Amino acid sequence: GEGSTSSSDGEVPVPARSEGEAAKALVELVVREMHEAQASAATSPGYLSAFPESVLERQADIAGVWAPYYTLHKIGQGLLDAYTVAGSQRALEVLRGLADHITSRVEGIIASKGQEYWFKQAMHYPKAAFGSESGGMNELAWQLYRVTGETKYVVLGSLFDHPKFLGDMARNADVLSGEHANFHEPLAVGAAVRHELTGEPKVKAAAHNLLSMLRRTRSYATGGTCDGERWQAAGRLESASTSTETQETCTQVNLERLAARALGWSDPAAAADWADYSERAALHGA
């Protein structure tokens, strides 16, 4: 997925062609191979990953897995970029198949075990740990809705919105101490994209409040946050003075992306402030 994204951005030169032609050819090669893998009779329709479907079954049973939906988000985002940046229609076809598979799988879990089980156990960090980490799956679903206009991807986004956390953020409740930073930041990015598409004030508040709260209570001069991938208590950053585990790059990138989106809903003065913060986060950590 990340390879498809970087290739779409024209970062992989190949001799005897322009950079754009070379990158597009490489994207098409990767996507073609992914399409063939997805068509395998050995897996369920639409499924595509580097791990077997049994990993997702274990995730559904809270049986100790490491972030499978986080991984699927990376594959999906690469495919979306291959379509939107490089114009690969096949990439969109593969992505839609994968998204439909995930929706069907999760809806099956909810049908058999209940909605509360999915959101409060299988997708709840205190219960499922990294098995519940879903990266930017909600953002990907909302972006896919933007591209296709199909409301089934609104359903997919809602399955990975983590309503408890976003609800706390919408209320501006500081529940961040000790929480895993890169688990939660992508959820706010997804909320920001949802707001762009629907105009919902609650999800805008969730994204804005998280960003503002981190900047106000847990941000270093670099614009970064967290220590050992987790947030400290509000205003208690002293552990960073002896730590070598501060401002994980993933968290820095997500904060920069979130700040960049805040520009779109801010007045000119606030937009200038967020632009400065976004630049600082990008230059000093990402």
C-alpha atoms as a PDB file:
ATOM      1  CA  GLY A   1       0.000   0.000   0.000  1.00  0.00           C
ATOM      2  CA  GLU A   2       2.705   2.476   0.923  1.00  0.00           C
ATOM      3  CA  GLY A   3       4.594   1.439  -2.205  1.00  0.00           C
ATOM      4  CA  SER A   4       1.564   2.233  -4.333  1.00  0.00           C
ATOM      5  CA  THR A   5       1.241   5.614  -2.635  1.00  0.00           C
ATOM      6  CA  SER A   6       4.881   6.609  -3.136  1.00  0.00           C
ATOM      7  CA  SER A   7       4.835   5.355  -6.730  1.00  0.00           C
ATOM      8  CA  SER A   8       1.710   7.390  -7.405  1.00  0.00           C
ATOM      9  CA  ASP A   9       3.551  10.460  -6.166  1.00  0.00           C
ATOM     10  CA  GLY A  10       6.261   9.933  -8.780  1.00  0.00           C
ATOM     11  CA  GLU A  11       9.065   9.040  -6.379  1.00  0.00           C
ATOM     12  CA  VAL A  12      10.396   5.951  -8.218  1.00  0.00           C
ATOM     13  CA  PRO A  13      12.272   6.899 -11.409  1.00  0.00           C
ATOM     14  CA  VAL A  14      12.820   4.369 -14.200  1.00  0.00           C
ATOM     15  CA  PRO A  15      15.296   5.067 -17.038  1.00  0.00           C
ATOM     16  CA  ALA A  16      14.162   5.850 -20.616  1.00  0.00           C
ATOM     17  CA  ARG A  17      10.765   7.239 -19.569  1.00  0.00           C
ATOM     18  CA  SER A  18       9.549  10.426 -18.023  1.00  0.00           C
ATOM     19  CA  GLU A  19       9.110  10.236 -14.265  1.00  0.00           C
ATOM     20  CA  GLY A  20       5.343  10.400 -14.614  1.00  0.00           C
ATOM     21  CA  GLU A  21       5.195   7.598 -17.203  1.00  0.00           C
ATOM     22  CA  ALA A  22       7.577   5.436 -15.200  1.00  0.00           C
ATOM     23  CA  ALA A  23       5.672   5.907 -11.965  1.00  0.00           C
ATOM     24  CA  LYS A  24       2.348   5.162 -13.637  1.00  0.00           C
ATOM     25  CA  ALA A  25       3.736   1.998 -15.232  1.00  0.00           C
ATOM     26  CA  LEU A  26       5.039   0.835 -11.870  1.00  0.00           C
ATOM     27  CA  VAL A  27       1.693   1.564 -10.220  1.00  0.00           C
ATOM     28  CA  GLU A  28      -0.115  -0.456 -12.869  1.00  0.00           C
ATOM     29  CA  LEU A  29       2.310  -3.347 -12.427  1.00  0.00           C
ATOM     30  CA  VAL A  30       1.795  -3.447  -8.657  1.00  0.00           C
ATOM     31  CA  VAL A  31      -1.969  -3.063  -8.959  1.00  0.00           C
ATOM     32  CA  ARG A  32      -2.183  -5.814 -11.582  1.00  0.00           C
ATOM     33  CA  GLU A  33      -0.397  -8.209  -9.261  1.00  0.00           C
ATOM     34  CA  MET A  34      -2.698  -7.208  -6.406  1.00  0.00           C
ATOM     35  CA  HIS A  35      -5.731  -7.758  -8.639  1.00  0.00           C
ATOM     36  CA  GLU A  36      -4.535 -11.257  -9.488  1.00  0.00           C
ATOM     37  CA  ALA A  37      -3.966 -12.037  -5.808  1.00  0.00           C
ATOM     38  CA  GLN A  38      -7.433 -10.759  -4.942  1.00  0.00           C
ATOM     39  CA  ALA A  39      -8.977 -13.017  -7.605  1.00  0.00           C
ATOM     40  CA  SER A  40      -7.467 -16.133  -6.025  1.00  0.00           C
ATOM     41  CA  ALA A  41      -9.936 -18.927  -5.348  1.00  0.00           C
ATOM     42  CA  ALA A  42      -8.080 -19.577  -2.080  1.00  0.00           C
ATOM     43  CA  THR A  43      -9.622 -16.545  -0.366  1.00  0.00           C
ATOM     44  CA  SER A  44     -13.068 -15.002   0.059  1.00  0.00           C
ATOM     45  CA  PRO A  45     -14.290 -12.562  -2.630  1.00  0.00           C
ATOM     46  CA  GLY A  46     -12.568  -9.200  -2.365  1.00  0.00           C
ATOM     47  CA  TYR A  47     -10.045 -10.219   0.277  1.00  0.00           C
ATOM     48  CA  LEU A  48      -6.498  -8.958  -0.210  1.00  0.00           C
ATOM     49  CA  SER A  49      -3.690  -8.920   2.320  1.00  0.00           C
ATOM     50  CA  ALA A  50      -0.294 -10.325   3.216  1.00  0.00           C
ATOM     51  CA  PHE A  51      -1.836 -12.413   6.001  1.00  0.00           C
ATOM     52  CA  PRO A  52      -4.526 -15.114   5.917  1.00  0.00           C
ATOM     53  CA  GLU A  53      -8.163 -14.426   6.709  1.00  0.00           C
ATOM     54  CA  SER A  54      -7.759 -16.405   9.904  1.00  0.00           C
ATOM     55  CA  VAL A  55      -6.008 -13.353  11.377  1.00  0.00           C
ATOM     56  CA  LEU A  56      -9.223 -11.350  11.030  1.00  0.00           C
ATOM     57  CA  GLU A  57     -11.168 -14.229  12.543  1.00  0.00           C
ATOM     58  CA  ARG A  58      -8.850 -14.128  15.549  1.00  0.00           C
ATOM     59  CA  GLN A  59      -9.316 -10.357  15.744  1.00  0.00           C
ATOM     60  CA  ALA A  60     -13.074 -10.859  15.873  1.00  0.00           C
ATOM     61  CA  ASP A  61     -12.605 -13.351  18.722  1.00  0.00           C
ATOM     62  CA  ILE A  62     -10.190 -11.035  20.587  1.00  0.00           C
ATOM     63  CA  ALA A  63      -7.638 -13.818  20.407  1.00  0.00           C
ATOM     64  CA  GLY A  64      -4.467 -11.730  20.285  1.00  0.00           C
ATOM     65  CA  VAL A  65      -3.529 -10.233  16.903  1.00  0.00           C
ATOM     66  CA  TRP A  66      -1.516  -7.199  15.917  1.00  0.00           C
ATOM     67  CA  ALA A  67      -3.409  -4.450  14.088  1.00  0.00           C
ATOM     68  CA  PRO A  68      -4.793  -6.261  11.010  1.00  0.00           C
ATOM     69  CA  TYR A  69      -7.169  -3.444  10.066  1.00  0.00           C
ATOM     70  CA  TYR A  70      -4.319  -0.968  10.407  1.00  0.00           C
ATOM     71  CA  THR A  71      -2.522  -3.007   7.753  1.00  0.00           C
ATOM     72  CA  LEU A  72      -5.585  -3.212   5.524  1.00  0.00           C
ATOM     73  CA  HIS A  73      -5.912   0.568   5.733  1.00  0.00           C
ATOM     74  CA  LYS A  74      -2.384   0.969   4.370  1.00  0.00           C
ATOM     75  CA  ILE A  75      -3.174  -1.320   1.431  1.00  0.00           C
ATOM     76  CA  GLY A  76      -6.458   0.468   0.797  1.00  0.00           C
ATOM     77  CA  GLN A  77      -4.948   3.953   0.978  1.00  0.00           C
ATOM     78  CA  GLY A  78      -2.265   2.948  -1.512  1.00  0.00           C
ATOM     79  CA  LEU A  79      -4.938   1.720  -3.886  1.00  0.00           C
ATOM     80  CA  LEU A  80      -6.951   4.919  -3.466  1.00  0.00           C
ATOM     81  CA  ASP A  81      -3.875   7.017  -4.227  1.00  0.00           C
ATOM     82  CA  ALA A  82      -3.126   4.849  -7.249  1.00  0.00           C
ATOM     83  CA  TYR A  83      -6.581   5.768  -8.518  1.00  0.00           C
ATOM     84  CA  THR A  84      -6.794   9.447  -7.567  1.00  0.00           C
ATOM     85  CA  VAL A  85      -3.185  10.392  -8.377  1.00  0.00           C
ATOM     86  CA  ALA A  86      -2.136   7.933 -11.092  1.00  0.00           C
ATOM     87  CA  GLY A  87      -5.552   7.327 -12.637  1.00  0.00           C
ATOM     88  CA  SER A  88      -5.571   3.548 -12.216  1.00  0.00           C
ATOM     89  CA  GLN A  89      -9.144   2.357 -12.693  1.00  0.00           C
ATOM     90  CA  ARG A  90      -8.080  -1.158 -11.748  1.00  0.00           C
ATOM     91  CA  ALA A  91      -6.862   0.151  -8.379  1.00  0.00           C
ATOM     92  CA  LEU A  92     -10.336   1.518  -7.630  1.00  0.00           C
ATOM     93  CA  GLU A  93     -11.850  -1.835  -8.609  1.00  0.00           C
ATOM     94  CA  VAL A  94      -9.514  -3.699  -6.251  1.00  0.00           C
ATOM     95  CA  LEU A  95     -10.158  -1.219  -3.450  1.00  0.00           C
ATOM     96  CA  ARG A  96     -13.915  -1.485  -3.784  1.00  0.00           C
ATOM     97  CA  GLY A  97     -13.660  -5.268  -3.608  1.00  0.00           C
ATOM     98  CA  LEU A  98     -11.553  -5.048  -0.453  1.00  0.00           C
ATOM     99  CA  ALA A  99     -13.837  -2.448   1.135  1.00  0.00           C
ATOM    100  CA  ASP A 100     -16.920  -4.537   0.384  1.00  0.00           C
ATOM    101  CA  HIS A 101     -15.244  -7.588   1.898  1.00  0.00           C
ATOM    102  CA  ILE A 102     -14.414  -5.710   5.108  1.00  0.00           C
ATOM    103  CA  THR A 103     -17.938  -4.304   5.377  1.00  0.00           C
ATOM    104  CA  SER A 104     -19.474  -7.737   4.903  1.00  0.00           C
ATOM    105  CA  ARG A 105     -17.125  -9.301   7.435  1.00  0.00           C
ATOM    106  CA  VAL A 106     -17.762  -6.713  10.145  1.00  0.00           C
ATOM    107  CA  GLU A 107     -21.519  -6.716   9.553  1.00  0.00           C
ATOM    108  CA  GLY A 108     -21.396 -10.494   9.975  1.00  0.00           C
ATOM    109  CA  ILE A 109     -19.640 -10.111  13.321  1.00  0.00           C
ATOM    110  CA  ILE A 110     -22.237  -7.603  14.465  1.00  0.00           C
ATOM    111  CA  ALA A 111     -25.075  -9.850  13.281  1.00  0.00           C
ATOM    112  CA  SER A 112     -23.748 -12.793  15.290  1.00  0.00           C
ATOM    113  CA  LYS A 113     -22.302 -11.058  18.361  1.00  0.00           C
ATOM    114  CA  GLY A 114     -24.006  -7.690  18.503  1.00  0.00           C
ATOM    115  CA  GLN A 115     -23.064  -4.085  17.909  1.00  0.00           C
ATOM    116  CA  GLU A 116     -21.939  -3.604  21.480  1.00  0.00           C
ATOM    117  CA  TYR A 117     -19.485  -6.483  21.133  1.00  0.00           C
ATOM    118  CA  TRP A 118     -17.874  -4.899  18.064  1.00  0.00           C
ATOM    119  CA  PHE A 119     -17.532  -1.372  19.428  1.00  0.00           C
ATOM    120  CA  LYS A 120     -16.978  -2.061  23.127  1.00  0.00           C
ATOM    121  CA  GLN A 121     -14.846  -5.187  22.911  1.00  0.00           C
ATOM    122  CA  ALA A 122     -13.350  -6.099  19.528  1.00  0.00           C
ATOM    123  CA  MET A 123     -12.717  -2.419  18.680  1.00  0.00           C
ATOM    124  CA  HIS A 124     -12.024  -1.261  22.240  1.00  0.00           C
ATOM    125  CA  TYR A 125      -8.346  -0.884  23.135  1.00  0.00           C
ATOM    126  CA  PRO A 126      -8.629  -1.821  26.839  1.00  0.00           C
ATOM    127  CA  LYS A 127     -10.253  -5.107  25.775  1.00  0.00           C
ATOM    128  CA  ALA A 128      -8.526  -5.999  22.507  1.00  0.00           C
ATOM    129  CA  ALA A 129      -5.274  -3.980  22.658  1.00  0.00           C
ATOM    130  CA  PHE A 130      -3.635  -3.650  19.243  1.00  0.00           C
ATOM    131  CA  GLY A 131      -6.171  -6.012  17.717  1.00  0.00           C
ATOM    132  CA  SER A 132      -8.519  -3.038  17.778  1.00  0.00           C
ATOM    133  CA  GLU A 133      -6.113  -0.587  16.138  1.00  0.00           C
ATOM    134  CA  SER A 134      -7.658   0.305  12.803  1.00  0.00           C
ATOM    135  CA  GLY A 135      -5.402   3.106  11.582  1.00  0.00           C
ATOM    136  CA  GLY A 136      -7.250   5.377   9.176  1.00  0.00           C
ATOM    137  CA  MET A 137      -9.928   2.900   8.102  1.00  0.00           C
ATOM    138  CA  ASN A 138     -12.634   5.463   8.819  1.00  0.00           C
ATOM    139  CA  GLU A 139     -10.821   8.109   6.765  1.00  0.00           C
ATOM    140  CA  LEU A 140     -10.338   5.654   3.887  1.00  0.00           C
ATOM    141  CA  ALA A 141     -14.045   4.777   3.885  1.00  0.00           C
ATOM    142  CA  TRP A 142     -15.092   8.419   3.832  1.00  0.00           C
ATOM    143  CA  GLN A 143     -12.624   9.160   1.034  1.00  0.00           C
ATOM    144  CA  LEU A 144     -14.039   6.225  -0.925  1.00  0.00           C
ATOM    145  CA  TYR A 145     -17.501   7.671  -0.421  1.00  0.00           C
ATOM    146  CA  ARG A 146     -16.197  10.994  -1.770  1.00  0.00           C
ATOM    147  CA  VAL A 147     -14.889   9.248  -4.893  1.00  0.00           C
ATOM    148  CA  THR A 148     -17.837   6.943  -5.601  1.00  0.00           C
ATOM    149  CA  GLY A 149     -20.840   8.627  -3.988  1.00  0.00           C
ATOM    150  CA  GLU A 150     -21.962   5.200  -2.757  1.00  0.00           C
ATOM    151  CA  THR A 151     -23.536   5.302   0.695  1.00  0.00           C
ATOM    152  CA  LYS A 152     -22.367   1.803   1.561  1.00  0.00           C
ATOM    153  CA  TYR A 153     -18.992   3.364   2.284  1.00  0.00           C
ATOM    154  CA  VAL A 154     -20.641   5.680   4.802  1.00  0.00           C
ATOM    155  CA  VAL A 155     -21.652   2.473   6.571  1.00  0.00           C
ATOM    156  CA  LEU A 156     -18.066   1.234   6.395  1.00  0.00           C
ATOM    157  CA  GLY A 157     -16.780   4.491   7.872  1.00  0.00           C
ATOM    158  CA  SER A 158     -19.215   4.270  10.761  1.00  0.00           C
ATOM    159  CA  LEU A 159     -17.926   0.784  11.627  1.00  0.00           C
ATOM    160  CA  PHE A 160     -14.445   2.199  12.288  1.00  0.00           C
ATOM    161  CA  ASP A 161     -15.262   5.629  13.726  1.00  0.00           C
ATOM    162  CA  HIS A 162     -14.698   4.471  17.345  1.00  0.00           C
ATOM    163  CA  PRO A 163     -17.709   6.462  18.626  1.00  0.00           C
ATOM    164  CA  LYS A 164     -16.690   6.384  22.301  1.00  0.00           C
ATOM    165  CA  PHE A 165     -13.390   8.150  21.693  1.00  0.00           C
ATOM    166  CA  LEU A 166     -14.758  10.618  19.170  1.00  0.00           C
ATOM    167  CA  GLY A 167     -17.681  11.293  21.506  1.00  0.00           C
ATOM    168  CA  ASP A 168     -15.274  12.114  24.332  1.00  0.00           C
ATOM    169  CA  MET A 169     -13.347  14.430  22.032  1.00  0.00           C
ATOM    170  CA  ALA A 170     -16.535  16.137  20.842  1.00  0.00           C
ATOM    171  CA  ARG A 171     -17.305  16.898  24.517  1.00  0.00           C
ATOM    172  CA  ASN A 172     -13.721  18.166  24.938  1.00  0.00           C
ATOM    173  CA  ALA A 173     -13.137  15.576  27.663  1.00  0.00           C
ATOM    174  CA  ASP A 174      -9.454  14.971  28.354  1.00  0.00           C
ATOM    175  CA  VAL A 175      -9.218  11.168  28.392  1.00  0.00           C
ATOM    176  CA  LEU A 176      -5.783  11.042  26.756  1.00  0.00           C
ATOM    177  CA  SER A 177      -3.399  10.250  29.626  1.00  0.00           C
ATOM    178  CA  GLY A 178      -1.701   6.912  29.017  1.00  0.00           C
ATOM    179  CA  GLU A 179      -3.498   6.312  25.736  1.00  0.00           C
ATOM    180  CA  HIS A 180      -1.695   5.134  22.588  1.00  0.00           C
ATOM    181  CA  ALA A 181      -1.162   8.202  20.414  1.00  0.00           C
ATOM    182  CA  ASN A 182      -1.067   6.685  16.938  1.00  0.00           C
ATOM    183  CA  PHE A 183      -4.089   4.536  17.698  1.00  0.00           C
ATOM    184  CA  HIS A 184      -6.250   7.612  18.236  1.00  0.00           C
ATOM    185  CA  GLU A 185      -4.901  10.382  16.013  1.00  0.00           C
ATOM    186  CA  PRO A 186      -5.980   8.749  12.702  1.00  0.00           C
ATOM    187  CA  LEU A 187      -9.538   8.521  14.065  1.00  0.00           C
ATOM    188  CA  ALA A 188      -9.606  12.306  14.338  1.00  0.00           C
ATOM    189  CA  VAL A 189      -8.287  12.675  10.786  1.00  0.00           C
ATOM    190  CA  GLY A 190     -11.163  10.469   9.651  1.00  0.00           C
ATOM    191  CA  ALA A 191     -13.577  12.639  11.621  1.00  0.00           C
ATOM    192  CA  ALA A 192     -12.216  15.722   9.855  1.00  0.00           C
ATOM    193  CA  VAL A 193     -12.793  14.130   6.441  1.00  0.00           C
ATOM    194  CA  ARG A 194     -16.296  13.120   7.513  1.00  0.00           C
ATOM    195  CA  HIS A 195     -16.993  16.738   8.454  1.00  0.00           C
ATOM    196  CA  GLU A 196     -15.772  17.931   5.059  1.00  0.00           C
ATOM    197  CA  LEU A 197     -18.293  15.640   3.375  1.00  0.00           C
ATOM    198  CA  THR A 198     -21.285  15.928   5.705  1.00  0.00           C
ATOM    199  CA  GLY A 199     -20.882  19.236   7.548  1.00  0.00           C
ATOM    200  CA  GLU A 200     -21.584  17.475  10.873  1.00  0.00           C
ATOM    201  CA  PRO A 201     -20.514  19.808  13.695  1.00  0.00           C
ATOM    202  CA  LYS A 202     -19.922  17.018  16.219  1.00  0.00           C
ATOM    203  CA  VAL A 203     -17.176  15.293  14.228  1.00  0.00           C
ATOM    204  CA  LYS A 204     -15.573  18.647  13.465  1.00  0.00           C
ATOM    205  CA  ALA A 205     -15.530  19.365  17.189  1.00  0.00           C
ATOM    206  CA  ALA A 206     -13.948  15.970  17.891  1.00  0.00           C
ATOM    207  CA  ALA A 207     -11.102  16.553  15.437  1.00  0.00           C
ATOM    208  CA  HIS A 208     -10.543  20.171  16.469  1.00  0.00           C
ATOM    209  CA  ASN A 209     -10.678  19.459  20.196  1.00  0.00           C
ATOM    210  CA  LEU A 210      -8.128  16.635  20.006  1.00  0.00           C
ATOM    211  CA  LEU A 211      -5.701  18.764  18.037  1.00  0.00           C
ATOM    212  CA  SER A 212      -6.164  21.768  20.301  1.00  0.00           C
ATOM    213  CA  MET A 213      -5.939  19.674  23.467  1.00  0.00           C
ATOM    214  CA  LEU A 214      -2.682  18.053  22.387  1.00  0.00           C
ATOM    215  CA  ARG A 215      -1.184  21.350  21.348  1.00  0.00           C
ATOM    216  CA  ARG A 216      -2.229  23.023  24.604  1.00  0.00           C
ATOM    217  CA  THR A 217      -1.311  20.298  27.096  1.00  0.00           C
ATOM    218  CA  ARG A 218       1.058  17.740  25.544  1.00  0.00           C
ATOM    219  CA  SER A 219       3.025  19.356  22.728  1.00  0.00           C
ATOM    220  CA  TYR A 220       6.778  19.847  22.479  1.00  0.00           C
ATOM    221  CA  ALA A 221       8.338  22.905  20.869  1.00  0.00           C
ATOM    222  CA  THR A 222       8.722  20.823  17.703  1.00  0.00           C
ATOM    223  CA  GLY A 223       4.960  20.376  17.481  1.00  0.00           C
ATOM    224  CA  GLY A 224       5.308  16.688  18.338  1.00  0.00           C
ATOM    225  CA  THR A 225       3.671  14.717  21.102  1.00  0.00           C
ATOM    226  CA  CYS A 226       3.828  11.481  23.141  1.00  0.00           C
ATOM    227  CA  ASP A 227       6.589   9.487  24.837  1.00  0.00           C
ATOM    228  CA  GLY A 228       6.972   5.785  24.211  1.00  0.00           C
ATOM    229  CA  GLU A 229       4.027   6.127  21.798  1.00  0.00           C
ATOM    230  CA  ARG A 230       1.722   7.140  24.677  1.00  0.00           C
ATOM    231  CA  TRP A 231       0.456  10.476  25.899  1.00  0.00           C
ATOM    232  CA  GLN A 232       1.617  11.790  29.236  1.00  0.00           C
ATOM    233  CA  ALA A 233      -0.680  13.459  31.748  1.00  0.00           C
ATOM    234  CA  ALA A 234      -1.641  16.991  30.813  1.00  0.00           C
ATOM    235  CA  GLY A 235       1.296  19.353  31.269  1.00  0.00           C
ATOM    236  CA  ARG A 236       3.635  16.588  32.493  1.00  0.00           C
ATOM    237  CA  LEU A 237       6.284  16.322  29.797  1.00  0.00           C
ATOM    238  CA  GLU A 238       9.324  15.981  32.048  1.00  0.00           C
ATOM    239  CA  SER A 239       9.886  12.348  31.061  1.00  0.00           C
ATOM    240  CA  ALA A 240      10.895  13.574  27.617  1.00  0.00           C
ATOM    241  CA  SER A 241      14.097  15.085  29.016  1.00  0.00           C
ATOM    242  CA  THR A 242      15.708  11.641  29.330  1.00  0.00           C
ATOM    243  CA  SER A 243      13.666   9.665  26.809  1.00  0.00           C
ATOM    244  CA  THR A 244      14.701   8.513  23.345  1.00  0.00           C
ATOM    245  CA  GLU A 245      11.134   7.504  22.451  1.00  0.00           C
ATOM    246  CA  THR A 246       9.409  10.868  21.966  1.00  0.00           C
ATOM    247  CA  GLN A 247       7.266  12.158  19.066  1.00  0.00           C
ATOM    248  CA  GLU A 248       6.952   8.948  17.085  1.00  0.00           C
ATOM    249  CA  THR A 249       7.053   9.872  13.399  1.00  0.00           C
ATOM    250  CA  CYS A 250       3.613   8.396  12.722  1.00  0.00           C
ATOM    251  CA  THR A 251       2.050  10.644  15.338  1.00  0.00           C
ATOM    252  CA  GLN A 252       3.881  13.670  13.971  1.00  0.00           C
ATOM    253  CA  VAL A 253       2.605  13.002  10.456  1.00  0.00           C
ATOM    254  CA  ASN A 254      -0.973  12.584  11.649  1.00  0.00           C
ATOM    255  CA  LEU A 255      -0.828  15.808  13.680  1.00  0.00           C
ATOM    256  CA  GLU A 256       0.505  17.658  10.653  1.00  0.00           C
ATOM    257  CA  ARG A 257      -2.264  16.242   8.465  1.00  0.00           C
ATOM    258  CA  LEU A 258      -4.902  17.143  11.042  1.00  0.00           C
ATOM    259  CA  ALA A 259      -3.571  20.684  11.380  1.00  0.00           C
ATOM    260  CA  ALA A 260      -3.581  21.076   7.611  1.00  0.00           C
ATOM    261  CA  ARG A 261      -7.274  20.143   7.557  1.00  0.00           C
ATOM    262  CA  ALA A 262      -8.005  22.628  10.342  1.00  0.00           C
ATOM    263  CA  LEU A 263      -7.037  25.356   7.881  1.00  0.00           C
ATOM    264  CA  GLY A 264     -10.226  24.663   5.968  1.00  0.00           C
ATOM    265  CA  TRP A 265     -12.584  25.451   8.840  1.00  0.00           C
ATOM    266  CA  SER A 266     -10.673  28.343  10.419  1.00  0.00           C
ATOM    267  CA  ASP A 267     -10.887  32.112  10.048  1.00  0.00           C
ATOM    268  CA  PRO A 268      -7.802  33.805   8.511  1.00  0.00           C
ATOM    269  CA  ALA A 269      -6.022  34.455  11.816  1.00  0.00           C
ATOM    270  CA  ALA A 270      -6.590  30.935  13.116  1.00  0.00           C
ATOM    271  CA  ALA A 271      -5.670  29.487   9.711  1.00  0.00           C
ATOM    272  CA  ALA A 272      -2.326  31.294   9.796  1.00  0.00           C
ATOM    273  CA  ASP A 273      -1.689  29.899  13.275  1.00  0.00           C
ATOM    274  CA  TRP A 274      -2.527  26.338  12.197  1.00  0.00           C
ATOM    275  CA  ALA A 275      -0.345  26.746   9.108  1.00  0.00           C
ATOM    276  CA  ASP A 276       2.617  27.685  11.311  1.00  0.00           C
ATOM    277  CA  TYR A 277       1.965  24.689  13.540  1.00  0.00           C
ATOM    278  CA  SER A 278       1.596  22.340  10.555  1.00  0.00           C
ATOM    279  CA  GLU A 279       4.877  23.563   9.094  1.00  0.00           C
ATOM    280  CA  ARG A 280       6.672  23.168  12.431  1.00  0.00           C
ATOM    281  CA  ALA A 281       5.364  19.630  12.877  1.00  0.00           C
ATOM    282  CA  ALA A 282       6.380  18.688   9.335  1.00  0.00           C
ATOM    283  CA  LEU A 283       9.878  20.180   9.486  1.00  0.00           C
ATOM    284  CA  HIS A 284      10.832  19.063  12.979  1.00  0.00           C
ATOM    285  CA  GLY A 285       9.556  15.546  13.195  1.00  0.00           C
ATOM    286  CA  ALA A 286       7.926  14.097  10.115  1.00  0.00           C
END
